[in-house]
C-alpha atoms as a PDB file:
ATOM      1  CA  MET A   1     -12.796 -49.180 -74.633  1.00  0.00           C
ATOM      2  CA  ASN A   2     -10.600 -50.378 -77.525  1.00  0.00           C
ATOM      3  CA  ARG A   3      -7.139 -49.009 -78.238  1.00  0.00           C
ATOM      4  CA  HIS A   4      -8.350 -46.770 -81.076  1.00  0.00           C
ATOM      5  CA  ASN A   5     -11.056 -45.164 -78.950  1.00  0.00           C
ATOM      6  CA  LEU A   6      -8.653 -44.712 -76.043  1.00  0.00           C
ATOM      7  CA  LEU A   7      -6.129 -42.912 -78.240  1.00  0.00           C
ATOM      8  CA  SER A   8      -8.910 -40.759 -79.654  1.00  0.00           C
ATOM      9  CA  THR A   9      -9.982 -39.815 -76.137  1.00  0.00           C
ATOM     10  CA  PHE A  10      -6.430 -38.878 -75.099  1.00  0.00           C
ATOM     11  CA  ALA A  11      -6.038 -36.839 -78.258  1.00  0.00           C
ATOM     12  CA  GLY A  12      -9.257 -35.013 -77.555  1.00  0.00           C
ATOM     13  CA  VAL A  13      -8.184 -34.204 -73.990  1.00  0.00           C
ATOM     14  CA  ALA A  14      -4.787 -32.996 -75.215  1.00  0.00           C
ATOM     15  CA  ILE A  15      -6.382 -30.758 -77.827  1.00  0.00           C
ATOM     16  CA  GLY A  16      -8.779 -29.444 -75.173  1.00  0.00           C
ATOM     17  CA  LEU A  17      -5.929 -28.607 -72.785  1.00  0.00           C
ATOM     18  CA  VAL A  18      -3.991 -26.844 -75.526  1.00  0.00           C
ATOM     19  CA  SER A  19      -7.090 -24.889 -76.463  1.00  0.00           C
ATOM     20  CA  LEU A  20      -7.671 -23.968 -72.817  1.00  0.00           C
ATOM     21  CA  GLY A  21      -4.068 -22.807 -72.524  1.00  0.00           C
ATOM     22  CA  VAL A  22      -4.436 -20.657 -75.613  1.00  0.00           C
ATOM     23  CA  THR A  23      -7.698 -19.233 -74.285  1.00  0.00           C
ATOM     24  CA  VAL A  24      -6.226 -18.419 -70.856  1.00  0.00           C
ATOM     25  CA  GLY A  25      -3.097 -16.954 -72.423  1.00  0.00           C
ATOM     26  CA  ALA A  26      -5.161 -14.834 -74.770  1.00  0.00           C
ATOM     27  CA  ALA A  27      -7.313 -13.641 -71.874  1.00  0.00           C
ATOM     28  CA  ALA A  28      -4.210 -12.562 -69.948  1.00  0.00           C
ATOM     29  CA  LYS A  29      -2.774 -10.893 -73.009  1.00  0.00           C
ATOM     30  CA  ASP A  30      -6.002  -8.999 -73.647  1.00  0.00           C
ATOM     31  CA  ALA A  31      -6.514  -7.982 -69.992  1.00  0.00           C
ATOM     32  CA  GLU A  32      -6.279  -4.252 -69.419  1.00  0.00           C
ATOM     33  CA  VAL A  33      -5.541  -2.601 -66.097  1.00  0.00           C
ATOM     34  CA  ARG A  34      -6.674   0.986 -65.572  1.00  0.00           C
ATOM     35  CA  LEU A  35      -4.415   3.170 -63.430  1.00  0.00           C
ATOM     36  CA  LEU A  36      -5.309   6.533 -61.898  1.00  0.00           C
ATOM     37  CA  SER A  37      -2.043   8.296 -61.075  1.00  0.00           C
ATOM     38  CA  ALA A  38      -0.933  11.511 -59.427  1.00  0.00           C
ATOM     39  CA  SER A  39       0.537  13.830 -62.076  1.00  0.00           C
ATOM     40  CA  ALA A  40       3.830  14.086 -60.167  1.00  0.00           C
ATOM     41  CA  LEU A  41       4.550  10.506 -61.230  1.00  0.00           C
ATOM     42  CA  HIS A  42       3.784  11.078 -64.913  1.00  0.00           C
ATOM     43  CA  PRO A  43       7.408  11.096 -66.151  1.00  0.00           C
ATOM     44  CA  ALA A  44       8.211   7.857 -64.334  1.00  0.00           C
ATOM     45  CA  ILE A  45       4.971   6.056 -65.214  1.00  0.00           C
ATOM     46  CA  GLU A  46       5.442   6.969 -68.864  1.00  0.00           C
ATOM     47  CA  ALA A  47       8.821   5.221 -68.756  1.00  0.00           C
ATOM     48  CA  LEU A  48       7.706   2.228 -66.671  1.00  0.00           C
ATOM     49  CA  VAL A  49       4.447   1.192 -68.339  1.00  0.00           C
ATOM     50  CA  PRO A  50       5.993  -0.149 -71.594  1.00  0.00           C
ATOM     51  CA  ASP A  51       8.332  -2.403 -69.570  1.00  0.00           C
ATOM     52  CA  PHE A  52       5.436  -3.694 -67.481  1.00  0.00           C
ATOM     53  CA  GLU A  53       3.322  -4.392 -70.545  1.00  0.00           C
ATOM     54  CA  LYS A  54       6.183  -6.231 -72.226  1.00  0.00           C
ATOM     55  CA  SER A  55       7.056  -8.372 -69.197  1.00  0.00           C
ATOM     56  CA  SER A  56       3.512  -9.144 -68.022  1.00  0.00           C
ATOM     57  CA  GLY A  57       1.419  -9.289 -71.182  1.00  0.00           C
ATOM     58  CA  TYR A  58      -1.127  -6.945 -69.594  1.00  0.00           C
ATOM     59  CA  LYS A  59      -2.114  -3.620 -71.131  1.00  0.00           C
ATOM     60  CA  VAL A  60      -2.280  -0.436 -69.084  1.00  0.00           C
ATOM     61  CA  THR A  61      -4.295   2.738 -69.558  1.00  0.00           C
ATOM     62  CA  VAL A  62      -3.373   5.705 -67.350  1.00  0.00           C
ATOM     63  CA  ASP A  63      -5.312   8.815 -66.357  1.00  0.00           C
ATOM     64  CA  TYR A  64      -3.515  11.584 -64.459  1.00  0.00           C
ATOM     65  CA  GLY A  65      -4.605  14.283 -62.040  1.00  0.00           C
ATOM     66  CA  THR A  66      -3.466  15.852 -58.794  1.00  0.00           C
ATOM     67  CA  ALA A  67      -3.057  13.450 -55.885  1.00  0.00           C
ATOM     68  CA  GLY A  68      -6.250  14.793 -54.356  1.00  0.00           C
ATOM     69  CA  ALA A  69      -8.204  14.737 -57.602  1.00  0.00           C
ATOM     70  CA  VAL A  70      -7.509  11.084 -58.452  1.00  0.00           C
ATOM     71  CA  ALA A  71      -8.399  10.083 -54.881  1.00  0.00           C
ATOM     72  CA  GLU A  72     -11.660  11.996 -55.178  1.00  0.00           C
ATOM     73  CA  ARG A  73     -12.476  10.124 -58.397  1.00  0.00           C
ATOM     74  CA  VAL A  74     -12.089   6.814 -56.579  1.00  0.00           C
ATOM     75  CA  LEU A  75     -14.233   8.074 -53.700  1.00  0.00           C
ATOM     76  CA  LYS A  76     -16.975   8.930 -56.192  1.00  0.00           C
ATOM     77  CA  GLY A  77     -16.897   5.391 -57.568  1.00  0.00           C
ATOM     78  CA  GLU A  78     -15.051   5.818 -60.850  1.00  0.00           C
ATOM     79  CA  ALA A  79     -14.186   2.425 -62.333  1.00  0.00           C
ATOM     80  CA  ALA A  80     -10.456   1.692 -62.201  1.00  0.00           C
ATOM     81  CA  ASP A  81      -8.109  -1.020 -60.981  1.00  0.00           C
ATOM     82  CA  VAL A  82      -5.163   0.739 -59.312  1.00  0.00           C
ATOM     83  CA  ILE A  83      -4.627   4.201 -57.870  1.00  0.00           C
ATOM     84  CA  LEU A  84      -1.186   5.719 -57.321  1.00  0.00           C
ATOM     85  CA  SER A  85      -1.431   8.716 -55.021  1.00  0.00           C
ATOM     86  CA  SER A  86      -0.077  10.245 -51.832  1.00  0.00           C
ATOM     87  CA  VAL A  87       0.170   8.015 -48.763  1.00  0.00           C
ATOM     88  CA  GLN A  88      -2.373  10.227 -47.005  1.00  0.00           C
ATOM     89  CA  ALA A  89      -4.852   9.785 -49.864  1.00  0.00           C
ATOM     90  CA  ILE A  90      -4.337   5.999 -49.974  1.00  0.00           C
ATOM     91  CA  ASP A  91      -4.806   5.752 -46.187  1.00  0.00           C
ATOM     92  CA  ARG A  92      -8.047   7.726 -46.464  1.00  0.00           C
ATOM     93  CA  LEU A  93      -9.327   5.517 -49.281  1.00  0.00           C
ATOM     94  CA  GLU A  94      -8.435   2.409 -47.274  1.00  0.00           C
ATOM     95  CA  MET A  95     -10.347   3.699 -44.232  1.00  0.00           C
ATOM     96  CA  GLN A  96     -13.385   4.318 -46.419  1.00  0.00           C
ATOM     97  CA  GLY A  97     -13.272   0.854 -47.939  1.00  0.00           C
ATOM     98  CA  LYS A  98     -12.271   1.978 -51.423  1.00  0.00           C
ATOM     99  CA  VAL A  99      -8.892   0.221 -51.717  1.00  0.00           C
ATOM    100  CA  VAL A 100      -7.712  -3.170 -50.485  1.00  0.00           C
ATOM    101  CA  ALA A 101      -6.373  -2.889 -46.942  1.00  0.00           C
ATOM    102  CA  GLY A 102      -3.099  -4.142 -45.572  1.00  0.00           C
ATOM    103  CA  ASN A 103      -0.803  -4.082 -48.584  1.00  0.00           C
ATOM    104  CA  ARG A 104       0.369  -0.460 -48.731  1.00  0.00           C
ATOM    105  CA  VAL A 105       3.974   0.102 -49.767  1.00  0.00           C
ATOM    106  CA  VAL A 106       5.671   3.446 -50.441  1.00  0.00           C
ATOM    107  CA  VAL A 107       7.181   3.354 -53.934  1.00  0.00           C
ATOM    108  CA  ALA A 108       8.640   6.876 -54.115  1.00  0.00           C
ATOM    109  CA  LYS A 109       8.884  10.266 -52.485  1.00  0.00           C
ATOM    110  CA  VAL A 110       9.554  13.658 -54.009  1.00  0.00           C
ATOM    111  CA  GLY A 111      10.179  17.146 -52.689  1.00  0.00           C
ATOM    112  CA  VAL A 112       9.067  20.595 -53.820  1.00  0.00           C
ATOM    113  CA  GLY A 113      11.342  22.627 -56.074  1.00  0.00           C
ATOM    114  CA  ALA A 114      11.473  26.121 -57.556  1.00  0.00           C
ATOM    115  CA  PHE A 115      12.037  26.850 -61.235  1.00  0.00           C
ATOM    116  CA  VAL A 116      12.636  29.688 -63.693  1.00  0.00           C
ATOM    117  CA  ARG A 117      12.521  30.160 -67.457  1.00  0.00           C
ATOM    118  CA  LYS A 118      15.289  28.301 -69.252  1.00  0.00           C
ATOM    119  CA  GLY A 119      18.430  30.456 -69.232  1.00  0.00           C
ATOM    120  CA  ALA A 120      17.117  32.935 -66.657  1.00  0.00           C
ATOM    121  CA  ALA A 121      19.078  33.953 -63.564  1.00  0.00           C
ATOM    122  CA  LYS A 122      18.524  31.672 -60.583  1.00  0.00           C
ATOM    123  CA  PRO A 123      17.965  33.336 -57.216  1.00  0.00           C
ATOM    124  CA  ASP A 124      19.573  31.957 -54.071  1.00  0.00           C
ATOM    125  CA  ILE A 125      17.150  29.721 -52.157  1.00  0.00           C
ATOM    126  CA  SER A 126      19.798  27.696 -50.308  1.00  0.00           C
ATOM    127  CA  SER A 127      18.418  28.448 -46.843  1.00  0.00           C
ATOM    128  CA  ALA A 128      15.114  29.484 -45.304  1.00  0.00           C
ATOM    129  CA  ASP A 129      16.308  33.090 -44.973  1.00  0.00           C
ATOM    130  CA  ALA A 130      17.591  33.160 -48.550  1.00  0.00           C
ATOM    131  CA  PHE A 131      14.313  31.702 -49.764  1.00  0.00           C
ATOM    132  CA  LYS A 132      12.330  34.377 -47.924  1.00  0.00           C
ATOM    133  CA  ARG A 133      14.477  37.150 -49.422  1.00  0.00           C
ATOM    134  CA  ALA A 134      14.108  35.673 -52.909  1.00  0.00           C
ATOM    135  CA  MET A 135      10.311  35.570 -52.554  1.00  0.00           C
ATOM    136  CA  LEU A 136      10.078  39.170 -51.401  1.00  0.00           C
ATOM    137  CA  ALA A 137      12.368  40.293 -54.231  1.00  0.00           C
ATOM    138  CA  ALA A 138      10.555  38.284 -56.912  1.00  0.00           C
ATOM    139  CA  ARG A 139       8.426  40.105 -59.457  1.00  0.00           C
ATOM    140  CA  SER A 140       5.892  37.268 -59.483  1.00  0.00           C
ATOM    141  CA  ILE A 141       5.497  33.613 -58.476  1.00  0.00           C
ATOM    142  CA  ALA A 142       3.174  30.768 -59.425  1.00  0.00           C
ATOM    143  CA  TYR A 143       2.229  27.418 -57.956  1.00  0.00           C
ATOM    144  CA  PRO A 144      -0.640  24.936 -58.443  1.00  0.00           C
ATOM    145  CA  ASP A 145      -3.950  26.163 -57.055  1.00  0.00           C
ATOM    146  CA  PRO A 146      -4.356  24.454 -53.655  1.00  0.00           C
ATOM    147  CA  SER A 147      -8.072  24.007 -54.322  1.00  0.00           C
ATOM    148  CA  GLY A 148      -7.159  21.523 -57.039  1.00  0.00           C
ATOM    149  CA  GLY A 149      -5.668  19.125 -54.481  1.00  0.00           C
ATOM    150  CA  GLY A 150      -2.035  19.306 -55.606  1.00  0.00           C
ATOM    151  CA  ALA A 151       0.365  18.617 -52.722  1.00  0.00           C
ATOM    152  CA  SER A 152       2.973  21.174 -53.828  1.00  0.00           C
ATOM    153  CA  GLY A 153       0.483  24.024 -54.132  1.00  0.00           C
ATOM    154  CA  ILE A 154      -1.009  23.305 -50.724  1.00  0.00           C
ATOM    155  CA  TYR A 155       2.440  23.194 -49.171  1.00  0.00           C
ATOM    156  CA  VAL A 156       3.810  26.386 -50.754  1.00  0.00           C
ATOM    157  CA  ALA A 157       0.708  28.349 -49.726  1.00  0.00           C
ATOM    158  CA  ASN A 158       1.106  27.137 -46.136  1.00  0.00           C
ATOM    159  CA  LEU A 159       4.860  27.813 -46.199  1.00  0.00           C
ATOM    160  CA  LEU A 160       4.368  31.455 -47.173  1.00  0.00           C
ATOM    161  CA  GLU A 161       1.839  31.787 -44.332  1.00  0.00           C
ATOM    162  CA  ARG A 162       4.257  30.249 -41.829  1.00  0.00           C
ATOM    163  CA  MET A 163       7.044  32.573 -42.934  1.00  0.00           C
ATOM    164  CA  GLY A 164       4.767  35.554 -42.387  1.00  0.00           C
ATOM    165  CA  ILE A 165       4.940  36.837 -45.977  1.00  0.00           C
ATOM    166  CA  ALA A 166       1.678  35.562 -47.472  1.00  0.00           C
ATOM    167  CA  GLY A 167       0.140  39.044 -47.337  1.00  0.00           C
ATOM    168  CA  GLU A 168       3.086  40.644 -49.113  1.00  0.00           C
ATOM    169  CA  MET A 169       3.117  37.879 -51.735  1.00  0.00           C
ATOM    170  CA  LYS A 170      -0.618  37.872 -52.466  1.00  0.00           C
ATOM    171  CA  SER A 171      -0.619  40.529 -55.187  1.00  0.00           C
ATOM    172  CA  LYS A 172       2.200  38.860 -57.108  1.00  0.00           C
ATOM    173  CA  THR A 173       1.081  35.245 -56.729  1.00  0.00           C
ATOM    174  CA  ARG A 174      -0.659  33.354 -59.509  1.00  0.00           C
ATOM    175  CA  LEU A 175      -2.575  30.189 -58.657  1.00  0.00           C
ATOM    176  CA  SER A 176      -2.190  28.030 -61.735  1.00  0.00           C
ATOM    177  CA  THR A 177      -3.447  24.851 -63.282  1.00  0.00           C
ATOM    178  CA  LEU A 178      -0.903  22.285 -64.448  1.00  0.00           C
ATOM    179  CA  GLY A 179      -1.676  23.449 -67.974  1.00  0.00           C
ATOM    180  CA  THR A 180      -0.628  27.057 -67.349  1.00  0.00           C
ATOM    181  CA  LEU A 181       2.019  26.753 -64.620  1.00  0.00           C
ATOM    182  CA  TYR A 182       4.991  25.990 -66.852  1.00  0.00           C
ATOM    183  CA  SER A 183       3.954  28.094 -69.835  1.00  0.00           C
ATOM    184  CA  SER A 184       3.562  31.222 -67.686  1.00  0.00           C
ATOM    185  CA  VAL A 185       7.139  30.881 -66.420  1.00  0.00           C
ATOM    186  CA  ALA A 186       8.591  29.801 -69.787  1.00  0.00           C
ATOM    187  CA  SER A 187       7.087  32.891 -71.442  1.00  0.00           C
ATOM    188  CA  GLY A 188       8.514  35.245 -68.795  1.00  0.00           C
ATOM    189  CA  GLU A 189       5.058  36.245 -67.613  1.00  0.00           C
ATOM    190  CA  VAL A 190       5.878  34.784 -64.177  1.00  0.00           C
ATOM    191  CA  GLU A 191       9.375  34.870 -62.695  1.00  0.00           C
ATOM    192  CA  ILE A 192       9.438  31.863 -60.332  1.00  0.00           C
ATOM    193  CA  GLY A 193       7.301  28.749 -60.271  1.00  0.00           C
ATOM    194  CA  PHE A 194       6.926  25.897 -57.795  1.00  0.00           C
ATOM    195  CA  ASN A 195       6.002  22.265 -58.173  1.00  0.00           C
ATOM    196  CA  GLN A 196       7.306  18.823 -57.347  1.00  0.00           C
ATOM    197  CA  VAL A 197      10.854  18.217 -58.547  1.00  0.00           C
ATOM    198  CA  SER A 198       9.963  15.222 -60.727  1.00  0.00           C
ATOM    199  CA  GLU A 199       7.534  17.283 -62.796  1.00  0.00           C
ATOM    200  CA  ILE A 200       9.925  20.215 -63.136  1.00  0.00           C
ATOM    201  CA  LEU A 201      12.721  17.999 -64.460  1.00  0.00           C
ATOM    202  CA  ALA A 202      10.431  16.693 -67.220  1.00  0.00           C
ATOM    203  CA  GLN A 203       9.787  20.168 -68.684  1.00  0.00           C
ATOM    204  CA  PRO A 204      12.119  21.322 -71.498  1.00  0.00           C
ATOM    205  CA  THR A 205      11.309  25.061 -71.401  1.00  0.00           C
ATOM    206  CA  ILE A 206      12.109  25.707 -67.735  1.00  0.00           C
ATOM    207  CA  GLU A 207      14.994  25.013 -65.346  1.00  0.00           C
ATOM    208  CA  LEU A 208      15.053  23.801 -61.780  1.00  0.00           C
ATOM    209  CA  ILE A 209      16.602  26.381 -59.438  1.00  0.00           C
ATOM    210  CA  ALA A 210      16.900  23.797 -56.676  1.00  0.00           C
ATOM    211  CA  PRO A 211      14.744  21.730 -54.335  1.00  0.00           C
ATOM    212  CA  LEU A 212      13.635  23.752 -51.333  1.00  0.00           C
ATOM    213  CA  PRO A 213      16.255  23.733 -48.549  1.00  0.00           C
ATOM    214  CA  SER A 214      15.988  20.887 -46.063  1.00  0.00           C
ATOM    215  CA  ASP A 215      14.690  23.023 -43.190  1.00  0.00           C
ATOM    216  CA  ILE A 216      11.611  24.061 -45.195  1.00  0.00           C
ATOM    217  CA  GLN A 217      11.326  21.088 -47.552  1.00  0.00           C
ATOM    218  CA  ASN A 218       8.238  18.914 -47.755  1.00  0.00           C
ATOM    219  CA  TYR A 219       8.213  15.429 -49.221  1.00  0.00           C
ATOM    220  CA  THR A 220       5.181  13.712 -50.671  1.00  0.00           C
ATOM    221  CA  GLN A 221       5.276   9.932 -50.410  1.00  0.00           C
ATOM    222  CA  PHE A 222       3.434   7.921 -53.036  1.00  0.00           C
ATOM    223  CA  ALA A 223       1.859   4.494 -52.712  1.00  0.00           C
ATOM    224  CA  PRO A 224      -0.323   2.323 -54.946  1.00  0.00           C
ATOM    225  CA  GLY A 225      -3.668   0.901 -53.925  1.00  0.00           C
ATOM    226  CA  ILE A 226      -5.762  -1.822 -55.539  1.00  0.00           C
ATOM    227  CA  ILE A 227      -9.284  -0.508 -55.925  1.00  0.00           C
ATOM    228  CA  ILE A 228     -12.027  -2.667 -54.420  1.00  0.00           C
ATOM    229  CA  GLY A 229     -14.347  -3.908 -57.157  1.00  0.00           C
ATOM    230  CA  SER A 230     -11.593  -4.161 -59.764  1.00  0.00           C
ATOM    231  CA  ASN A 231     -12.394  -6.826 -62.333  1.00  0.00           C
ATOM    232  CA  GLN A 232      -8.683  -7.200 -63.137  1.00  0.00           C
ATOM    233  CA  ALA A 233      -7.393  -8.279 -59.747  1.00  0.00           C
ATOM    234  CA  ASP A 234      -4.476 -10.331 -61.095  1.00  0.00           C
ATOM    235  CA  ALA A 235      -3.345  -7.549 -63.415  1.00  0.00           C
ATOM    236  CA  ALA A 236      -3.700  -4.986 -60.593  1.00  0.00           C
ATOM    237  CA  LYS A 237      -1.579  -7.116 -58.239  1.00  0.00           C
ATOM    238  CA  ALA A 238       1.037  -7.594 -60.938  1.00  0.00           C
ATOM    239  CA  LEU A 239       1.240  -3.839 -61.559  1.00  0.00           C
ATOM    240  CA  VAL A 240       1.589  -3.022 -57.854  1.00  0.00           C
ATOM    241  CA  ALA A 241       4.367  -5.620 -57.512  1.00  0.00           C
ATOM    242  CA  PHE A 242       6.120  -4.186 -60.563  1.00  0.00           C
ATOM    243  CA  LEU A 243       5.973  -0.604 -59.246  1.00  0.00           C
ATOM    244  CA  SER A 244       7.532  -1.828 -55.978  1.00  0.00           C
ATOM    245  CA  SER A 245      10.380  -3.700 -57.673  1.00  0.00           C
ATOM    246  CA  PRO A 246      14.070  -2.667 -57.538  1.00  0.00           C
ATOM    247  CA  GLY A 247      14.072  -2.034 -61.283  1.00  0.00           C
ATOM    248  CA  SER A 248      11.183   0.403 -60.991  1.00  0.00           C
ATOM    249  CA  ARG A 249      12.899   2.202 -58.127  1.00  0.00           C
ATOM    250  CA  THR A 250      15.938   2.755 -60.326  1.00  0.00           C
ATOM    251  CA  VAL A 251      13.749   4.413 -62.964  1.00  0.00           C
ATOM    252  CA  LEU A 252      11.965   6.498 -60.342  1.00  0.00           C
ATOM    253  CA  LYS A 253      15.286   7.758 -58.975  1.00  0.00           C
ATOM    254  CA  ALA A 254      16.398   8.774 -62.474  1.00  0.00           C
ATOM    255  CA  LYS A 255      13.177  10.784 -62.805  1.00  0.00           C
ATOM    256  CA  GLY A 256      13.804  12.874 -59.680  1.00  0.00           C
ATOM    257  CA  PHE A 257      12.259  10.724 -56.948  1.00  0.00           C
ATOM    258  CA  GLU A 258      13.948   9.601 -53.764  1.00  0.00           C
END
């Protein structure tokens, strides 16, 4: 091969490598990871996703639902790349071969809180006894319908049973969807509402009374899982690593998580 042909060959290889780099880079930039997330994490995910997209080059689409509902969607085979749900839901999905095993990490936990309309008087719920008195004195209460799979609704229903006041509370309890829970309290239709603290803090028309006292508090721990069959494995791994990072934990703490 003469010198001219050799230089031409090198030039062609160089151009090919540059083109390959551009193609790979473009593929990464265009890759989209689909996240199914528990609604309790909505305020934090809304803040975190733009930073992840900027730092990674990946795009993210997010669908929200109760922790139980998003897990059920994965069980039924809905196409997605990452699920962010309660530890119990992730463990169940792992056992059923729906998420990659062996890489679970808890990224946040949040407790249940009570709330009232903005500016309304806040009853004392600083102890179990005070909480019980406040419930019996309340005109009405609301929490997410346990049948929808929301951790806070399931817990509050069980708590009232354990305290022996479920029967007395039945006539003044409204089982709500996430769409009606806050509006019913903000309008004054319902006096006291319950949900996870992170979601309460994100609502402008209501005010947190306080988290439930420690002796009757319940924390939900959240973990991500990479869904088996994802066609964006690299993007999914990058998102899980990002959600577990110290920077993400700082944002989560600011949004009411522990």
